[in-house]
Amino acid sequence: MSETDSEIVEAEGDDLSRPQKRLLKRLYNGRTVPVMADERPFLRYKDAARYLLSLDLDARAAAYAQMKAQARDGVR
């Protein structure tokens, strides 16, 4: 995770940052294959966001990084 990502997570402790929300919405738009984070499948943006918000900041950053890596690697 880059410094910018960790700064965003720390600054927005009670909510996801705007860039995080945008990436997750793009990632989950029209998804037919679930994205895995912490060995849990997520098919919808709302489920992923709800899960991320339930985690403490360090765990949230790690789970978000897993989702982001799958988006980067082209998991569809």
N, C-alpha and C. Protein backbone atom coordinates (compact mmCIF):
# COMPACT_ATOMS: atom_id res chain seq x y z
N MET A 1 0.85 -1.17 0.00
CA MET A 1 0.00 0.00 0.00
C MET A 1 0.89 1.23 0.00
N SER A 2 0.51 2.23 -0.75
CA SER A 2 1.31 3.45 -0.82
C SER A 2 1.02 4.34 0.38
N GLU A 3 1.89 5.32 0.58
CA GLU A 3 1.69 6.25 1.68
C GLU A 3 0.37 6.99 1.52
N THR A 4 0.02 7.34 0.29
CA THR A 4 -1.21 8.08 0.06
C THR A 4 -2.42 7.27 0.52
N ASP A 5 -2.44 5.98 0.20
CA ASP A 5 -3.55 5.13 0.62
C ASP A 5 -3.65 5.07 2.13
N SER A 6 -2.52 4.90 2.82
CA SER A 6 -2.56 4.80 4.27
C SER A 6 -2.96 6.13 4.89
N GLU A 7 -2.55 7.24 4.30
CA GLU A 7 -2.95 8.55 4.81
C GLU A 7 -4.45 8.74 4.65
N ILE A 8 -4.98 8.30 3.53
CA ILE A 8 -6.42 8.43 3.29
C ILE A 8 -7.19 7.63 4.32
N VAL A 9 -6.75 6.41 4.56
CA VAL A 9 -7.44 5.55 5.53
C VAL A 9 -7.38 6.16 6.91
N GLU A 10 -6.23 6.70 7.32
CA GLU A 10 -6.10 7.28 8.64
C GLU A 10 -6.93 8.56 8.76
N ALA A 11 -7.00 9.36 7.71
CA ALA A 11 -7.74 10.61 7.75
C ALA A 11 -9.24 10.37 7.80
N GLU A 12 -9.70 9.28 7.23
CA GLU A 12 -11.12 9.00 7.13
C GLU A 12 -11.48 7.78 7.97
N GLY A 13 -11.21 7.82 9.25
CA GLY A 13 -11.42 6.67 10.11
C GLY A 13 -12.85 6.16 10.19
N ASP A 14 -13.84 7.07 10.07
CA ASP A 14 -15.23 6.66 10.21
C ASP A 14 -15.90 6.34 8.89
N ASP A 15 -15.24 6.61 7.78
CA ASP A 15 -15.83 6.37 6.48
C ASP A 15 -14.72 6.07 5.48
N LEU A 16 -15.10 5.54 4.35
CA LEU A 16 -14.14 5.32 3.27
C LEU A 16 -13.89 6.65 2.57
N SER A 17 -12.71 6.83 2.04
CA SER A 17 -12.40 8.07 1.34
C SER A 17 -13.11 8.07 -0.02
N ARG A 18 -13.21 9.24 -0.61
CA ARG A 18 -13.86 9.35 -1.92
C ARG A 18 -13.17 8.50 -2.98
N PRO A 19 -11.81 8.52 -3.07
CA PRO A 19 -11.14 7.65 -4.05
C PRO A 19 -11.39 6.16 -3.78
N GLN A 20 -11.46 5.78 -2.51
CA GLN A 20 -11.74 4.39 -2.18
C GLN A 20 -13.14 4.00 -2.65
N LYS A 21 -14.12 4.85 -2.40
CA LYS A 21 -15.49 4.58 -2.82
C LYS A 21 -15.58 4.47 -4.34
N ARG A 22 -14.92 5.38 -5.05
CA ARG A 22 -14.96 5.35 -6.52
C ARG A 22 -14.35 4.07 -7.05
N LEU A 23 -13.19 3.66 -6.52
CA LEU A 23 -12.55 2.44 -6.98
C LEU A 23 -13.44 1.23 -6.70
N LEU A 24 -14.01 1.16 -5.51
CA LEU A 24 -14.87 0.03 -5.18
C LEU A 24 -16.11 -0.01 -6.07
N LYS A 25 -16.69 1.13 -6.35
CA LYS A 25 -17.87 1.15 -7.22
C LYS A 25 -17.52 0.67 -8.62
N ARG A 26 -16.37 1.10 -9.14
CA ARG A 26 -15.93 0.63 -10.47
C ARG A 26 -15.65 -0.87 -10.43
N LEU A 27 -15.01 -1.32 -9.37
CA LEU A 27 -14.63 -2.72 -9.23
C LEU A 27 -15.86 -3.63 -9.17
N TYR A 28 -16.90 -3.19 -8.48
CA TYR A 28 -18.07 -4.03 -8.27
C TYR A 28 -19.19 -3.80 -9.29
N ASN A 29 -19.05 -2.85 -10.20
CA ASN A 29 -20.08 -2.58 -11.19
C ASN A 29 -20.21 -3.75 -12.17
N GLY A 30 -21.36 -4.40 -12.18
CA GLY A 30 -21.61 -5.49 -13.11
C GLY A 30 -20.81 -6.75 -12.85
N ARG A 31 -20.34 -6.93 -11.66
CA ARG A 31 -19.49 -8.07 -11.32
C ARG A 31 -20.29 -9.36 -11.30
N THR A 32 -19.71 -10.41 -11.89
CA THR A 32 -20.32 -11.75 -11.85
C THR A 32 -19.44 -12.74 -11.10
N VAL A 33 -18.18 -12.38 -10.89
CA VAL A 33 -17.24 -13.21 -10.14
C VAL A 33 -16.87 -12.42 -8.88
N PRO A 34 -17.02 -13.01 -7.72
CA PRO A 34 -16.75 -12.25 -6.49
C PRO A 34 -15.27 -11.89 -6.32
N VAL A 35 -15.06 -10.78 -5.65
CA VAL A 35 -13.73 -10.35 -5.24
C VAL A 35 -13.51 -10.91 -3.84
N MET A 36 -12.33 -11.43 -3.61
CA MET A 36 -12.03 -12.02 -2.31
C MET A 36 -11.20 -11.05 -1.47
N ALA A 37 -11.56 -10.95 -0.21
CA ALA A 37 -10.79 -10.18 0.77
C ALA A 37 -10.94 -10.90 2.10
N ASP A 38 -9.83 -11.20 2.72
CA ASP A 38 -9.84 -11.93 3.99
C ASP A 38 -10.62 -13.24 3.86
N GLU A 39 -10.45 -13.89 2.72
CA GLU A 39 -11.09 -15.17 2.40
C GLU A 39 -12.61 -15.09 2.39
N ARG A 40 -13.16 -13.90 2.14
CA ARG A 40 -14.60 -13.70 2.03
C ARG A 40 -14.91 -13.20 0.63
N PRO A 41 -15.97 -13.72 0.02
CA PRO A 41 -16.34 -13.26 -1.32
C PRO A 41 -17.27 -12.04 -1.25
N PHE A 42 -17.01 -11.07 -2.11
CA PHE A 42 -17.85 -9.88 -2.19
C PHE A 42 -18.25 -9.66 -3.64
N LEU A 43 -19.54 -9.57 -3.88
CA LEU A 43 -20.06 -9.39 -5.23
C LEU A 43 -20.66 -8.00 -5.43
N ARG A 44 -21.00 -7.34 -4.33
CA ARG A 44 -21.63 -6.02 -4.42
C ARG A 44 -20.82 -4.98 -3.66
N TYR A 45 -20.86 -3.76 -4.17
CA TYR A 45 -20.16 -2.64 -3.55
C TYR A 45 -20.61 -2.45 -2.10
N LYS A 46 -21.91 -2.46 -1.88
CA LYS A 46 -22.42 -2.20 -0.53
C LYS A 46 -21.93 -3.23 0.48
N ASP A 47 -21.86 -4.48 0.07
CA ASP A 47 -21.37 -5.53 0.97
C ASP A 47 -19.89 -5.30 1.29
N ALA A 48 -19.12 -4.96 0.27
CA ALA A 48 -17.68 -4.72 0.47
C ALA A 48 -17.46 -3.50 1.36
N ALA A 49 -18.18 -2.42 1.09
CA ALA A 49 -18.03 -1.20 1.89
C ALA A 49 -18.44 -1.45 3.34
N ARG A 50 -19.54 -2.15 3.54
CA ARG A 50 -20.00 -2.45 4.90
C ARG A 50 -18.95 -3.27 5.64
N TYR A 51 -18.36 -4.25 4.96
CA TYR A 51 -17.33 -5.07 5.59
C TYR A 51 -16.11 -4.22 5.94
N LEU A 52 -15.65 -3.41 5.00
CA LEU A 52 -14.47 -2.57 5.26
C LEU A 52 -14.70 -1.64 6.45
N LEU A 53 -15.90 -1.06 6.53
CA LEU A 53 -16.18 -0.14 7.63
C LEU A 53 -16.30 -0.85 8.98
N SER A 54 -16.51 -2.15 8.97
CA SER A 54 -16.60 -2.89 10.22
C SER A 54 -15.22 -3.22 10.81
N LEU A 55 -14.17 -3.01 10.04
CA LEU A 55 -12.81 -3.35 10.46
C LEU A 55 -12.11 -2.18 11.11
N ASP A 56 -11.08 -2.48 11.92
CA ASP A 56 -10.25 -1.39 12.44
C ASP A 56 -9.38 -0.87 11.29
N LEU A 57 -8.73 0.24 11.48
CA LEU A 57 -8.03 0.91 10.39
C LEU A 57 -6.97 0.05 9.71
N ASP A 58 -6.18 -0.68 10.47
CA ASP A 58 -5.12 -1.50 9.87
C ASP A 58 -5.71 -2.64 9.05
N ALA A 59 -6.70 -3.32 9.61
CA ALA A 59 -7.34 -4.42 8.89
C ALA A 59 -8.09 -3.91 7.67
N ARG A 60 -8.71 -2.72 7.79
CA ARG A 60 -9.42 -2.11 6.66
C ARG A 60 -8.46 -1.82 5.52
N ALA A 61 -7.30 -1.26 5.86
CA ALA A 61 -6.31 -0.94 4.83
C ALA A 61 -5.83 -2.20 4.13
N ALA A 62 -5.64 -3.27 4.89
CA ALA A 62 -5.17 -4.53 4.30
C ALA A 62 -6.23 -5.14 3.38
N ALA A 63 -7.49 -5.16 3.82
CA ALA A 63 -8.56 -5.72 3.00
C ALA A 63 -8.78 -4.88 1.75
N TYR A 64 -8.73 -3.56 1.88
CA TYR A 64 -8.88 -2.67 0.72
C TYR A 64 -7.74 -2.91 -0.27
N ALA A 65 -6.53 -3.10 0.24
CA ALA A 65 -5.38 -3.37 -0.64
C ALA A 65 -5.58 -4.68 -1.41
N GLN A 66 -6.17 -5.69 -0.77
CA GLN A 66 -6.45 -6.95 -1.46
C GLN A 66 -7.45 -6.72 -2.59
N MET A 67 -8.49 -5.96 -2.34
CA MET A 67 -9.49 -5.67 -3.37
C MET A 67 -8.87 -4.88 -4.51
N LYS A 68 -8.07 -3.89 -4.15
CA LYS A 68 -7.42 -3.04 -5.14
C LYS A 68 -6.46 -3.86 -6.01
N ALA A 69 -5.74 -4.79 -5.40
CA ALA A 69 -4.81 -5.64 -6.15
C ALA A 69 -5.55 -6.51 -7.16
N GLN A 70 -6.72 -7.01 -6.77
CA GLN A 70 -7.50 -7.82 -7.70
C GLN A 70 -7.99 -6.97 -8.87
N ALA A 71 -8.34 -5.72 -8.60
CA ALA A 71 -8.77 -4.82 -9.67
C ALA A 71 -7.60 -4.54 -10.61
N ARG A 72 -6.43 -4.32 -10.04
CA ARG A 72 -5.23 -4.04 -10.84
C ARG A 72 -4.86 -5.24 -11.70
N ASP A 73 -5.02 -6.44 -11.15
CA ASP A 73 -4.64 -7.66 -11.85
C ASP A 73 -5.71 -8.11 -12.84
N GLY A 74 -6.82 -7.37 -12.89
CA GLY A 74 -7.84 -7.66 -13.89
C GLY A 74 -8.76 -8.83 -13.55
N VAL A 75 -8.96 -9.10 -12.28
CA VAL A 75 -9.89 -10.16 -11.89
C VAL A 75 -11.29 -9.69 -12.20
N ARG A 76 -11.98 -10.42 -13.03
CA ARG A 76 -13.35 -10.09 -13.41
C ARG A 76 -14.18 -11.26 -13.10
